[in-house]
């Protein structure tokens, strides 16, 4: 009987340790950290100078837009709402950027009123280059299939950023867009 009670007490103690480790893992997973604080520095309104390259070798077109960034859900994600005029039409887009504490990767989603799909990308931040590189997929409207995309975001200084977007056509990557961001407020 003593052995059974000792075994029972040991199992209860081990269960409490395992539960504590699981609880600690959940707390670490859900708590905004250094990467989230880095994203929050970009909160506010930004002006955008956009250059589009619709197909490889095509002459570029340009547009102006603006965006407003804010941290949401307790500082865990950054929502960026973009508005402007693209190709003579009103433009709206929304991105959500986050950092997954469990997988140790940044991720981004993008939706806009010029399509009905979602772009999803993920990647790593290189502190020496002050650059975030994300890779993922979006729908190619010409084929209806997933198309590889890549995006880089460089922080020039606290008030200047540059994003480059790359699409893939006929198996070859090309630069499809450049956005120069300047802080408005």
N, C-alpha and C. Protein backbone atom coordinates (compact mmCIF):
# COMPACT_ATOMS: atom_id res chain seq x y z
N UNK A 1 0.81 -1.19 0.00
CA UNK A 1 0.00 0.00 0.00
C UNK A 1 0.86 1.26 0.00
N UNK A 2 1.98 1.22 0.81
CA UNK A 2 2.87 2.36 0.84
C UNK A 2 3.47 2.62 -0.54
N UNK A 3 3.83 1.52 -1.22
CA UNK A 3 4.43 1.66 -2.56
C UNK A 3 3.41 2.26 -3.52
N UNK A 4 2.17 1.85 -3.42
CA UNK A 4 1.12 2.38 -4.29
C UNK A 4 0.90 3.87 -4.01
N UNK A 5 0.87 4.27 -2.76
CA UNK A 5 0.71 5.68 -2.42
C UNK A 5 1.90 6.50 -2.89
N UNK A 6 3.11 5.94 -2.72
CA UNK A 6 4.32 6.63 -3.17
C UNK A 6 4.32 6.77 -4.69
N UNK A 7 3.92 5.72 -5.39
CA UNK A 7 3.83 5.76 -6.85
C UNK A 7 2.78 6.78 -7.29
N UNK A 8 1.65 6.80 -6.63
CA UNK A 8 0.59 7.75 -6.94
C UNK A 8 1.06 9.18 -6.71
N UNK A 9 1.73 9.43 -5.60
CA UNK A 9 2.25 10.78 -5.31
C UNK A 9 3.30 11.17 -6.34
N UNK A 10 4.12 10.25 -6.79
CA UNK A 10 5.15 10.52 -7.80
C UNK A 10 4.50 10.88 -9.13
N UNK A 11 3.46 10.12 -9.52
CA UNK A 11 2.77 10.40 -10.78
C UNK A 11 2.09 11.76 -10.74
N UNK A 12 1.48 12.10 -9.62
CA UNK A 12 0.83 13.41 -9.47
C UNK A 12 1.88 14.51 -9.57
N UNK A 13 3.03 14.30 -8.93
CA UNK A 13 4.11 15.28 -8.97
C UNK A 13 4.65 15.44 -10.39
N UNK A 14 4.86 14.34 -11.10
CA UNK A 14 5.33 14.40 -12.50
C UNK A 14 4.30 15.09 -13.38
N UNK A 15 3.03 14.81 -13.15
CA UNK A 15 1.97 15.44 -13.92
C UNK A 15 1.98 16.95 -13.72
N UNK A 16 2.20 17.38 -12.47
CA UNK A 16 2.24 18.82 -12.18
C UNK A 16 3.43 19.48 -12.87
N UNK A 17 4.58 18.81 -12.91
CA UNK A 17 5.76 19.34 -13.58
C UNK A 17 5.49 19.44 -15.09
N UNK A 18 4.91 18.39 -15.67
CA UNK A 18 4.60 18.41 -17.10
C UNK A 18 3.61 19.52 -17.42
N UNK A 19 2.61 19.68 -16.59
CA UNK A 19 1.61 20.72 -16.82
C UNK A 19 2.28 22.09 -16.71
N UNK A 20 3.16 22.26 -15.76
CA UNK A 20 3.87 23.52 -15.60
C UNK A 20 4.72 23.80 -16.83
N UNK A 21 5.41 22.79 -17.36
CA UNK A 21 6.22 22.98 -18.57
C UNK A 21 5.34 23.35 -19.75
N UNK A 22 4.18 22.70 -19.86
CA UNK A 22 3.24 23.02 -20.94
C UNK A 22 2.70 24.44 -20.78
N UNK A 23 2.37 24.80 -19.55
CA UNK A 23 1.88 26.16 -19.30
C UNK A 23 2.95 27.19 -19.63
N UNK A 24 4.20 26.90 -19.27
CA UNK A 24 5.30 27.81 -19.59
C UNK A 24 5.45 27.96 -21.11
N UNK A 25 5.32 26.86 -21.82
CA UNK A 25 5.43 26.91 -23.28
C UNK A 25 4.32 27.76 -23.87
N UNK A 26 3.10 27.60 -23.37
CA UNK A 26 1.98 28.42 -23.86
C UNK A 26 2.20 29.89 -23.55
N UNK A 27 2.69 30.19 -22.35
CA UNK A 27 2.95 31.59 -21.99
C UNK A 27 4.00 32.20 -22.91
N UNK A 28 5.07 31.46 -23.19
CA UNK A 28 6.12 31.95 -24.10
C UNK A 28 5.56 32.14 -25.50
N UNK A 29 4.69 31.24 -25.93
CA UNK A 29 4.10 31.31 -27.27
C UNK A 29 3.19 32.52 -27.42
N UNK A 30 2.46 32.86 -26.37
CA UNK A 30 1.45 33.92 -26.47
C UNK A 30 1.95 35.31 -26.09
N UNK A 31 3.14 35.41 -25.53
CA UNK A 31 3.63 36.69 -25.04
C UNK A 31 4.40 37.45 -26.11
N UNK A 32 3.95 38.67 -26.46
CA UNK A 32 4.70 39.46 -27.43
C UNK A 32 6.12 39.71 -26.92
N UNK A 33 7.07 39.66 -27.85
CA UNK A 33 8.48 39.82 -27.47
C UNK A 33 9.18 40.89 -28.30
N UNK A 34 10.47 40.73 -28.40
CA UNK A 34 11.33 41.69 -29.09
C UNK A 34 10.90 41.92 -30.53
N UNK A 35 10.54 40.87 -31.26
CA UNK A 35 10.13 41.01 -32.65
C UNK A 35 8.83 41.81 -32.76
N UNK A 36 7.92 41.62 -31.83
CA UNK A 36 6.66 42.36 -31.83
C UNK A 36 6.91 43.84 -31.52
N UNK A 37 7.84 44.10 -30.61
CA UNK A 37 8.20 45.48 -30.31
C UNK A 37 8.84 46.15 -31.52
N UNK A 38 9.63 45.39 -32.28
CA UNK A 38 10.24 45.91 -33.50
C UNK A 38 9.15 46.32 -34.49
N UNK A 39 8.13 45.49 -34.67
CA UNK A 39 7.03 45.82 -35.58
C UNK A 39 6.29 47.07 -35.10
N UNK A 40 6.09 47.19 -33.80
CA UNK A 40 5.33 48.31 -33.25
C UNK A 40 5.99 49.66 -33.54
N UNK A 41 7.31 49.67 -33.75
CA UNK A 41 8.01 50.91 -34.07
C UNK A 41 7.51 51.51 -35.39
N UNK A 42 6.89 50.68 -36.23
CA UNK A 42 6.39 51.14 -37.54
C UNK A 42 4.93 51.59 -37.48
N UNK A 43 4.34 51.63 -36.29
CA UNK A 43 2.97 52.11 -36.17
C UNK A 43 2.88 53.56 -36.65
N UNK A 44 1.72 53.91 -37.20
CA UNK A 44 1.49 55.27 -37.66
C UNK A 44 1.16 55.31 -39.14
N UNK A 45 1.12 56.51 -39.68
CA UNK A 45 0.74 56.72 -41.07
C UNK A 45 1.99 56.86 -41.93
N UNK A 46 1.96 56.23 -43.11
CA UNK A 46 3.09 56.23 -44.04
C UNK A 46 2.60 56.62 -45.44
N UNK A 47 3.44 57.38 -46.16
CA UNK A 47 3.20 57.68 -47.57
C UNK A 47 3.93 56.62 -48.40
N UNK A 48 3.34 56.26 -49.53
CA UNK A 48 3.91 55.23 -50.39
C UNK A 48 4.11 55.75 -51.81
N UNK A 49 5.31 55.56 -52.34
CA UNK A 49 5.59 55.78 -53.75
C UNK A 49 5.80 54.40 -54.36
N UNK A 50 4.91 54.02 -55.27
CA UNK A 50 4.88 52.65 -55.78
C UNK A 50 5.28 52.62 -57.25
N UNK A 51 6.15 51.68 -57.59
CA UNK A 51 6.51 51.42 -58.98
C UNK A 51 6.14 49.98 -59.29
N UNK A 52 5.35 49.78 -60.35
CA UNK A 52 4.90 48.45 -60.78
C UNK A 52 5.64 48.03 -62.05
N UNK A 53 5.94 46.75 -62.13
CA UNK A 53 6.47 46.12 -63.34
C UNK A 53 5.52 44.98 -63.65
N UNK A 54 4.55 45.22 -64.52
CA UNK A 54 3.46 44.26 -64.73
C UNK A 54 3.95 42.92 -65.30
N UNK A 55 4.91 42.96 -66.21
CA UNK A 55 5.51 41.75 -66.76
C UNK A 55 7.00 42.00 -66.94
N UNK A 56 7.80 40.95 -67.02
CA UNK A 56 9.24 41.16 -67.20
C UNK A 56 9.50 41.98 -68.47
N UNK A 57 10.32 43.02 -68.32
CA UNK A 57 10.68 43.84 -69.46
C UNK A 57 9.70 44.94 -69.82
N UNK A 58 8.52 44.94 -69.20
CA UNK A 58 7.52 45.98 -69.49
C UNK A 58 7.94 47.28 -68.83
N UNK A 59 7.56 48.43 -69.43
CA UNK A 59 7.89 49.69 -68.78
C UNK A 59 7.14 49.82 -67.45
N UNK A 60 7.78 50.44 -66.47
CA UNK A 60 7.13 50.57 -65.16
C UNK A 60 6.02 51.61 -65.17
N UNK A 61 5.08 51.43 -64.26
CA UNK A 61 4.05 52.43 -64.00
C UNK A 61 4.19 52.82 -62.53
N UNK A 62 3.63 53.96 -62.17
CA UNK A 62 3.78 54.41 -60.79
C UNK A 62 2.45 54.84 -60.21
N UNK A 63 2.41 54.89 -58.90
CA UNK A 63 1.21 55.31 -58.18
C UNK A 63 1.64 55.81 -56.81
N UNK A 64 0.73 56.51 -56.17
CA UNK A 64 0.94 56.95 -54.79
C UNK A 64 -0.19 56.39 -53.94
N UNK A 65 0.14 56.07 -52.71
CA UNK A 65 -0.85 55.54 -51.79
C UNK A 65 -0.40 55.91 -50.38
N UNK A 66 -1.15 55.46 -49.40
CA UNK A 66 -0.75 55.65 -48.01
C UNK A 66 -1.18 54.42 -47.23
N UNK A 67 -0.59 54.26 -46.07
CA UNK A 67 -1.00 53.16 -45.21
C UNK A 67 -0.93 53.61 -43.76
N UNK A 68 -1.70 52.93 -42.95
CA UNK A 68 -1.69 53.15 -41.51
C UNK A 68 -1.44 51.81 -40.84
N UNK A 69 -0.41 51.77 -40.00
CA UNK A 69 -0.03 50.55 -39.28
C UNK A 69 -0.43 50.67 -37.82
N UNK A 70 -0.97 49.56 -37.28
CA UNK A 70 -1.27 49.52 -35.85
C UNK A 70 -1.15 48.10 -35.34
N UNK A 71 -0.65 47.98 -34.12
CA UNK A 71 -0.57 46.68 -33.49
C UNK A 71 -1.98 46.33 -32.99
N UNK A 72 -2.35 45.05 -33.16
CA UNK A 72 -3.67 44.58 -32.76
C UNK A 72 -3.53 43.34 -31.87
N UNK A 73 -4.63 42.97 -31.26
CA UNK A 73 -4.71 41.78 -30.41
C UNK A 73 -3.61 41.75 -29.36
N UNK A 74 -3.53 42.85 -28.63
CA UNK A 74 -2.59 42.91 -27.51
C UNK A 74 -1.13 43.01 -27.93
N UNK A 75 -0.87 43.57 -29.10
CA UNK A 75 0.51 43.74 -29.56
C UNK A 75 1.11 42.51 -30.21
N UNK A 76 0.27 41.56 -30.62
CA UNK A 76 0.76 40.31 -31.21
C UNK A 76 0.90 40.38 -32.73
N UNK A 77 0.16 41.24 -33.38
CA UNK A 77 0.15 41.33 -34.85
C UNK A 77 0.10 42.80 -35.24
N UNK A 78 0.59 43.09 -36.43
CA UNK A 78 0.46 44.44 -36.96
C UNK A 78 -0.43 44.41 -38.19
N UNK A 79 -1.48 45.23 -38.13
CA UNK A 79 -2.39 45.38 -39.27
C UNK A 79 -1.97 46.64 -40.00
N UNK A 80 -1.92 46.54 -41.32
CA UNK A 80 -1.56 47.67 -42.16
C UNK A 80 -2.67 47.84 -43.19
N UNK A 81 -3.31 49.01 -43.18
CA UNK A 81 -4.40 49.29 -44.11
C UNK A 81 -3.89 50.29 -45.14
N UNK A 82 -3.97 49.90 -46.42
CA UNK A 82 -3.45 50.70 -47.53
C UNK A 82 -4.61 51.24 -48.36
N UNK A 83 -4.49 52.51 -48.78
CA UNK A 83 -5.48 53.11 -49.67
C UNK A 83 -4.76 53.96 -50.70
N UNK A 84 -5.37 54.06 -51.88
CA UNK A 84 -4.79 54.88 -52.93
C UNK A 84 -5.57 54.75 -54.21
N UNK A 85 -4.90 55.04 -55.30
CA UNK A 85 -5.49 54.96 -56.63
C UNK A 85 -4.52 54.18 -57.50
N UNK A 86 -4.95 53.03 -58.02
CA UNK A 86 -4.09 52.19 -58.85
C UNK A 86 -4.74 52.01 -60.22
N UNK A 87 -4.00 52.37 -61.23
CA UNK A 87 -4.47 52.19 -62.61
C UNK A 87 -5.84 52.82 -62.81
N UNK A 88 -6.04 53.98 -62.20
CA UNK A 88 -7.29 54.71 -62.35
C UNK A 88 -8.45 54.19 -61.53
N UNK A 89 -8.18 53.26 -60.61
CA UNK A 89 -9.24 52.69 -59.78
C UNK A 89 -8.90 52.89 -58.31
N UNK A 90 -9.94 53.06 -57.47
CA UNK A 90 -9.67 53.14 -56.03
C UNK A 90 -9.07 51.82 -55.55
N UNK A 91 -8.09 51.92 -54.67
CA UNK A 91 -7.38 50.74 -54.18
C UNK A 91 -7.45 50.66 -52.67
N UNK A 92 -7.70 49.44 -52.16
CA UNK A 92 -7.67 49.14 -50.74
C UNK A 92 -6.97 47.81 -50.55
N UNK A 93 -6.09 47.74 -49.57
CA UNK A 93 -5.42 46.49 -49.24
C UNK A 93 -5.16 46.41 -47.75
N UNK A 94 -5.11 45.20 -47.24
CA UNK A 94 -4.87 44.97 -45.81
C UNK A 94 -3.85 43.86 -45.66
N UNK A 95 -2.81 44.14 -44.88
CA UNK A 95 -1.85 43.09 -44.54
C UNK A 95 -1.86 42.89 -43.03
N UNK A 96 -1.52 41.69 -42.65
CA UNK A 96 -1.30 41.36 -41.25
C UNK A 96 0.08 40.73 -41.17
N UNK A 97 0.91 41.29 -40.31
CA UNK A 97 2.26 40.76 -40.13
C UNK A 97 2.40 40.34 -38.68
N UNK A 98 3.08 39.24 -38.48
CA UNK A 98 3.28 38.75 -37.12
C UNK A 98 4.58 37.99 -37.00
N UNK A 99 4.87 37.62 -35.79
CA UNK A 99 6.02 36.76 -35.50
C UNK A 99 5.53 35.60 -34.67
N UNK A 100 5.76 34.40 -35.17
CA UNK A 100 5.34 33.17 -34.51
C UNK A 100 6.43 32.77 -33.52
N UNK A 101 6.17 32.98 -32.23
CA UNK A 101 7.16 32.65 -31.20
C UNK A 101 7.52 31.17 -31.18
N UNK A 102 6.59 30.30 -31.55
CA UNK A 102 6.84 28.86 -31.53
C UNK A 102 7.76 28.43 -32.66
N UNK A 103 7.46 28.88 -33.87
CA UNK A 103 8.24 28.47 -35.05
C UNK A 103 9.41 29.39 -35.34
N UNK A 104 9.46 30.54 -34.66
CA UNK A 104 10.55 31.52 -34.82
C UNK A 104 10.63 32.05 -36.24
N UNK A 105 9.47 32.41 -36.81
CA UNK A 105 9.42 32.99 -38.15
C UNK A 105 8.43 34.16 -38.16
N UNK A 106 8.73 35.13 -39.03
CA UNK A 106 7.78 36.19 -39.34
C UNK A 106 6.83 35.64 -40.40
N UNK A 107 5.62 36.18 -40.45
CA UNK A 107 4.68 35.79 -41.49
C UNK A 107 3.85 37.00 -41.88
N UNK A 108 3.27 36.94 -43.07
CA UNK A 108 2.47 38.05 -43.56
C UNK A 108 1.34 37.51 -44.43
N UNK A 109 0.17 38.13 -44.29
CA UNK A 109 -0.95 37.86 -45.20
C UNK A 109 -1.28 39.16 -45.91
N UNK A 110 -1.82 39.05 -47.12
CA UNK A 110 -2.20 40.23 -47.90
C UNK A 110 -3.50 39.94 -48.64
N UNK A 111 -4.45 40.87 -48.52
CA UNK A 111 -5.68 40.83 -49.32
C UNK A 111 -5.93 42.24 -49.84
N UNK A 112 -6.59 42.34 -51.01
CA UNK A 112 -6.94 43.67 -51.53
C UNK A 112 -8.15 43.58 -52.43
N UNK A 113 -8.64 44.74 -52.87
CA UNK A 113 -9.84 44.79 -53.70
C UNK A 113 -9.53 44.58 -55.19
N UNK A 114 -8.31 44.17 -55.51
CA UNK A 114 -7.96 43.87 -56.91
C UNK A 114 -7.83 42.37 -57.12
N UNK A 115 -8.37 41.60 -56.21
CA UNK A 115 -8.35 40.15 -56.32
C UNK A 115 -9.27 39.56 -55.27
N UNK A 116 -9.37 38.22 -55.30
CA UNK A 116 -10.22 37.53 -54.32
C UNK A 116 -9.44 36.47 -53.56
N UNK A 117 -8.13 36.45 -53.75
CA UNK A 117 -7.30 35.46 -53.06
C UNK A 117 -6.54 36.09 -51.92
N UNK A 118 -5.70 35.28 -51.30
CA UNK A 118 -4.85 35.75 -50.21
C UNK A 118 -3.41 35.36 -50.53
N UNK A 119 -2.49 36.27 -50.23
CA UNK A 119 -1.08 35.97 -50.34
C UNK A 119 -0.58 35.63 -48.94
N UNK A 120 0.17 34.55 -48.83
CA UNK A 120 0.75 34.17 -47.54
C UNK A 120 2.24 33.97 -47.73
N UNK A 121 3.02 34.59 -46.84
CA UNK A 121 4.48 34.47 -46.90
C UNK A 121 5.03 34.34 -45.49
N UNK A 122 6.22 33.77 -45.39
CA UNK A 122 6.91 33.73 -44.11
C UNK A 122 8.41 33.74 -44.34
N UNK A 123 9.14 34.15 -43.30
CA UNK A 123 10.59 34.21 -43.44
C UNK A 123 11.28 34.75 -42.21
N UNK A 124 12.53 35.13 -42.40
CA UNK A 124 13.40 35.53 -41.29
C UNK A 124 13.87 36.97 -41.46
N UNK A 125 14.20 37.60 -40.34
CA UNK A 125 14.75 38.94 -40.31
C UNK A 125 16.27 38.83 -40.17
N UNK A 126 16.99 39.58 -41.00
CA UNK A 126 18.45 39.63 -40.95
C UNK A 126 18.83 40.98 -40.33
N UNK A 127 19.25 40.97 -39.07
CA UNK A 127 19.55 42.20 -38.35
C UNK A 127 20.74 42.94 -38.95
N UNK A 128 21.71 42.23 -39.51
CA UNK A 128 22.87 42.90 -40.08
C UNK A 128 22.49 43.69 -41.33
N UNK A 129 21.52 43.20 -42.09
CA UNK A 129 21.06 43.91 -43.30
C UNK A 129 19.86 44.80 -43.02
N UNK A 130 19.30 44.71 -41.81
CA UNK A 130 18.03 45.38 -41.47
C UNK A 130 16.98 45.06 -42.53
N UNK A 131 16.84 43.77 -42.80
CA UNK A 131 15.95 43.33 -43.87
C UNK A 131 15.19 42.07 -43.47
N UNK A 132 13.91 42.09 -43.79
CA UNK A 132 13.04 40.93 -43.62
C UNK A 132 12.79 40.35 -45.00
N UNK A 133 13.06 39.07 -45.18
CA UNK A 133 12.77 38.40 -46.46
C UNK A 133 11.70 37.36 -46.22
N UNK A 134 10.61 37.48 -46.98
CA UNK A 134 9.48 36.56 -46.88
C UNK A 134 9.28 35.85 -48.20
N UNK A 135 8.93 34.57 -48.14
CA UNK A 135 8.62 33.78 -49.33
C UNK A 135 7.29 33.09 -49.12
N UNK A 136 6.53 32.94 -50.21
CA UNK A 136 5.25 32.27 -50.10
C UNK A 136 4.58 32.11 -51.44
N UNK A 137 3.24 32.14 -51.42
CA UNK A 137 2.48 31.96 -52.65
C UNK A 137 1.28 32.89 -52.69
N UNK A 138 0.84 33.14 -53.89
CA UNK A 138 -0.41 33.83 -54.16
C UNK A 138 -1.01 33.15 -55.39
N UNK A 139 -2.23 33.47 -55.71
CA UNK A 139 -2.86 32.87 -56.88
C UNK A 139 -2.49 33.65 -58.13
N UNK A 140 -2.05 32.93 -59.15
CA UNK A 140 -1.81 33.53 -60.47
C UNK A 140 -3.16 33.59 -61.17
N UNK A 141 -3.71 34.80 -61.42
CA UNK A 141 -5.05 34.88 -62.01
C UNK A 141 -5.12 34.30 -63.42
N UNK A 142 -3.99 34.26 -64.13
CA UNK A 142 -3.99 33.74 -65.50
C UNK A 142 -4.14 32.22 -65.52
N UNK A 143 -3.60 31.53 -64.49
CA UNK A 143 -3.64 30.07 -64.48
C UNK A 143 -4.56 29.51 -63.40
N UNK A 144 -4.87 30.33 -62.39
CA UNK A 144 -5.66 29.84 -61.26
C UNK A 144 -4.87 28.96 -60.32
N UNK A 145 -3.54 28.91 -60.50
CA UNK A 145 -2.68 28.07 -59.67
C UNK A 145 -1.84 28.93 -58.75
N UNK A 146 -1.27 28.28 -57.74
CA UNK A 146 -0.39 28.97 -56.81
C UNK A 146 0.87 29.43 -57.55
N UNK A 147 1.28 30.67 -57.25
CA UNK A 147 2.47 31.24 -57.86
C UNK A 147 3.43 31.63 -56.74
N UNK A 148 4.71 31.25 -56.86
CA UNK A 148 5.68 31.66 -55.84
C UNK A 148 5.87 33.18 -55.85
N UNK A 149 6.00 33.74 -54.66
CA UNK A 149 6.28 35.16 -54.49
C UNK A 149 7.37 35.31 -53.43
N UNK A 150 8.07 36.43 -53.54
CA UNK A 150 9.10 36.75 -52.54
C UNK A 150 9.05 38.25 -52.30
N UNK A 151 9.25 38.63 -51.04
CA UNK A 151 9.21 40.04 -50.68
C UNK A 151 10.38 40.35 -49.76
N UNK A 152 11.01 41.49 -49.98
CA UNK A 152 12.01 41.98 -49.04
C UNK A 152 11.53 43.33 -48.50
N UNK A 153 11.80 43.56 -47.23
CA UNK A 153 11.49 44.83 -46.59
C UNK A 153 12.76 45.29 -45.90
N UNK A 154 13.25 46.46 -46.30
CA UNK A 154 14.47 47.02 -45.70
C UNK A 154 14.11 48.28 -44.92
N UNK A 155 14.71 48.41 -43.74
CA UNK A 155 14.53 49.60 -42.92
C UNK A 155 15.75 50.49 -43.16
N UNK A 156 15.55 51.58 -43.90
CA UNK A 156 16.63 52.51 -44.20
C UNK A 156 16.97 53.32 -42.94
N UNK A 157 15.95 53.86 -42.31
CA UNK A 157 16.06 54.55 -41.02
C UNK A 157 14.67 54.50 -40.37
N UNK A 158 14.48 55.20 -39.26
CA UNK A 158 13.21 55.13 -38.54
C UNK A 158 12.03 55.67 -39.34
N UNK A 159 12.31 56.46 -40.37
CA UNK A 159 11.24 57.10 -41.14
C UNK A 159 11.20 56.71 -42.61
N UNK A 160 12.03 55.74 -43.01
CA UNK A 160 12.12 55.35 -44.41
C UNK A 160 12.27 53.83 -44.53
N UNK A 161 11.44 53.24 -45.40
CA UNK A 161 11.51 51.81 -45.66
C UNK A 161 11.38 51.56 -47.15
N UNK A 162 11.85 50.40 -47.59
CA UNK A 162 11.67 50.04 -48.99
C UNK A 162 11.30 48.57 -49.10
N UNK A 163 10.21 48.32 -49.79
CA UNK A 163 9.74 46.95 -50.01
C UNK A 163 9.89 46.61 -51.48
N UNK A 164 10.39 45.43 -51.78
CA UNK A 164 10.45 44.92 -53.15
C UNK A 164 9.68 43.61 -53.21
N UNK A 165 8.86 43.47 -54.23
CA UNK A 165 8.06 42.26 -54.43
C UNK A 165 8.53 41.58 -55.71
N UNK A 166 8.64 40.27 -55.66
CA UNK A 166 9.07 39.48 -56.80
C UNK A 166 8.02 38.43 -57.11
N UNK A 167 7.62 38.34 -58.37
CA UNK A 167 6.70 37.30 -58.84
C UNK A 167 7.48 36.32 -59.69
N UNK A 168 6.83 35.26 -60.11
CA UNK A 168 7.45 34.27 -60.97
C UNK A 168 6.59 34.10 -62.21
N UNK A 169 7.22 34.23 -63.38
CA UNK A 169 6.53 34.02 -64.65
C UNK A 169 7.34 33.03 -65.48
N UNK A 170 6.67 32.01 -65.98
CA UNK A 170 7.34 30.97 -66.79
C UNK A 170 8.57 30.41 -66.07
N UNK A 171 8.42 30.22 -64.76
CA UNK A 171 9.48 29.63 -63.97
C UNK A 171 10.62 30.56 -63.59
N UNK A 172 10.53 31.83 -63.96
CA UNK A 172 11.61 32.77 -63.68
C UNK A 172 11.12 33.93 -62.81
N UNK A 173 11.86 34.22 -61.75
CA UNK A 173 11.50 35.30 -60.85
C UNK A 173 11.83 36.66 -61.48
N UNK A 174 10.95 37.64 -61.27
CA UNK A 174 11.20 39.01 -61.72
C UNK A 174 10.64 39.99 -60.69
N UNK A 175 11.24 41.19 -60.65
CA UNK A 175 10.77 42.22 -59.73
C UNK A 175 9.46 42.77 -60.28
N UNK A 176 8.39 42.73 -59.45
CA UNK A 176 7.08 43.18 -59.90
C UNK A 176 6.66 44.51 -59.28
N UNK A 177 7.30 44.89 -58.16
CA UNK A 177 6.87 46.12 -57.49
C UNK A 177 7.95 46.59 -56.52
N UNK A 178 8.03 47.90 -56.38
CA UNK A 178 8.86 48.54 -55.37
C UNK A 178 7.98 49.58 -54.68
N UNK A 179 7.98 49.58 -53.36
CA UNK A 179 7.28 50.61 -52.60
C UNK A 179 8.28 51.30 -51.70
N UNK A 180 8.37 52.62 -51.84
CA UNK A 180 9.19 53.43 -50.94
C UNK A 180 8.25 54.08 -49.93
N UNK A 181 8.46 53.76 -48.67
CA UNK A 181 7.62 54.27 -47.59
C UNK A 181 8.34 55.43 -46.89
N UNK A 182 7.62 56.49 -46.63
CA UNK A 182 8.14 57.58 -45.81
C UNK A 182 7.10 57.90 -44.74
N UNK A 183 7.57 58.04 -43.51
CA UNK A 183 6.66 58.25 -42.39
C UNK A 183 5.95 59.60 -42.53
N UNK A 184 4.63 59.57 -42.42
CA UNK A 184 3.84 60.79 -42.47
C UNK A 184 3.54 61.31 -41.07
N UNK A 185 3.35 60.40 -40.12
CA UNK A 185 3.10 60.79 -38.73
C UNK A 185 3.42 59.65 -37.80
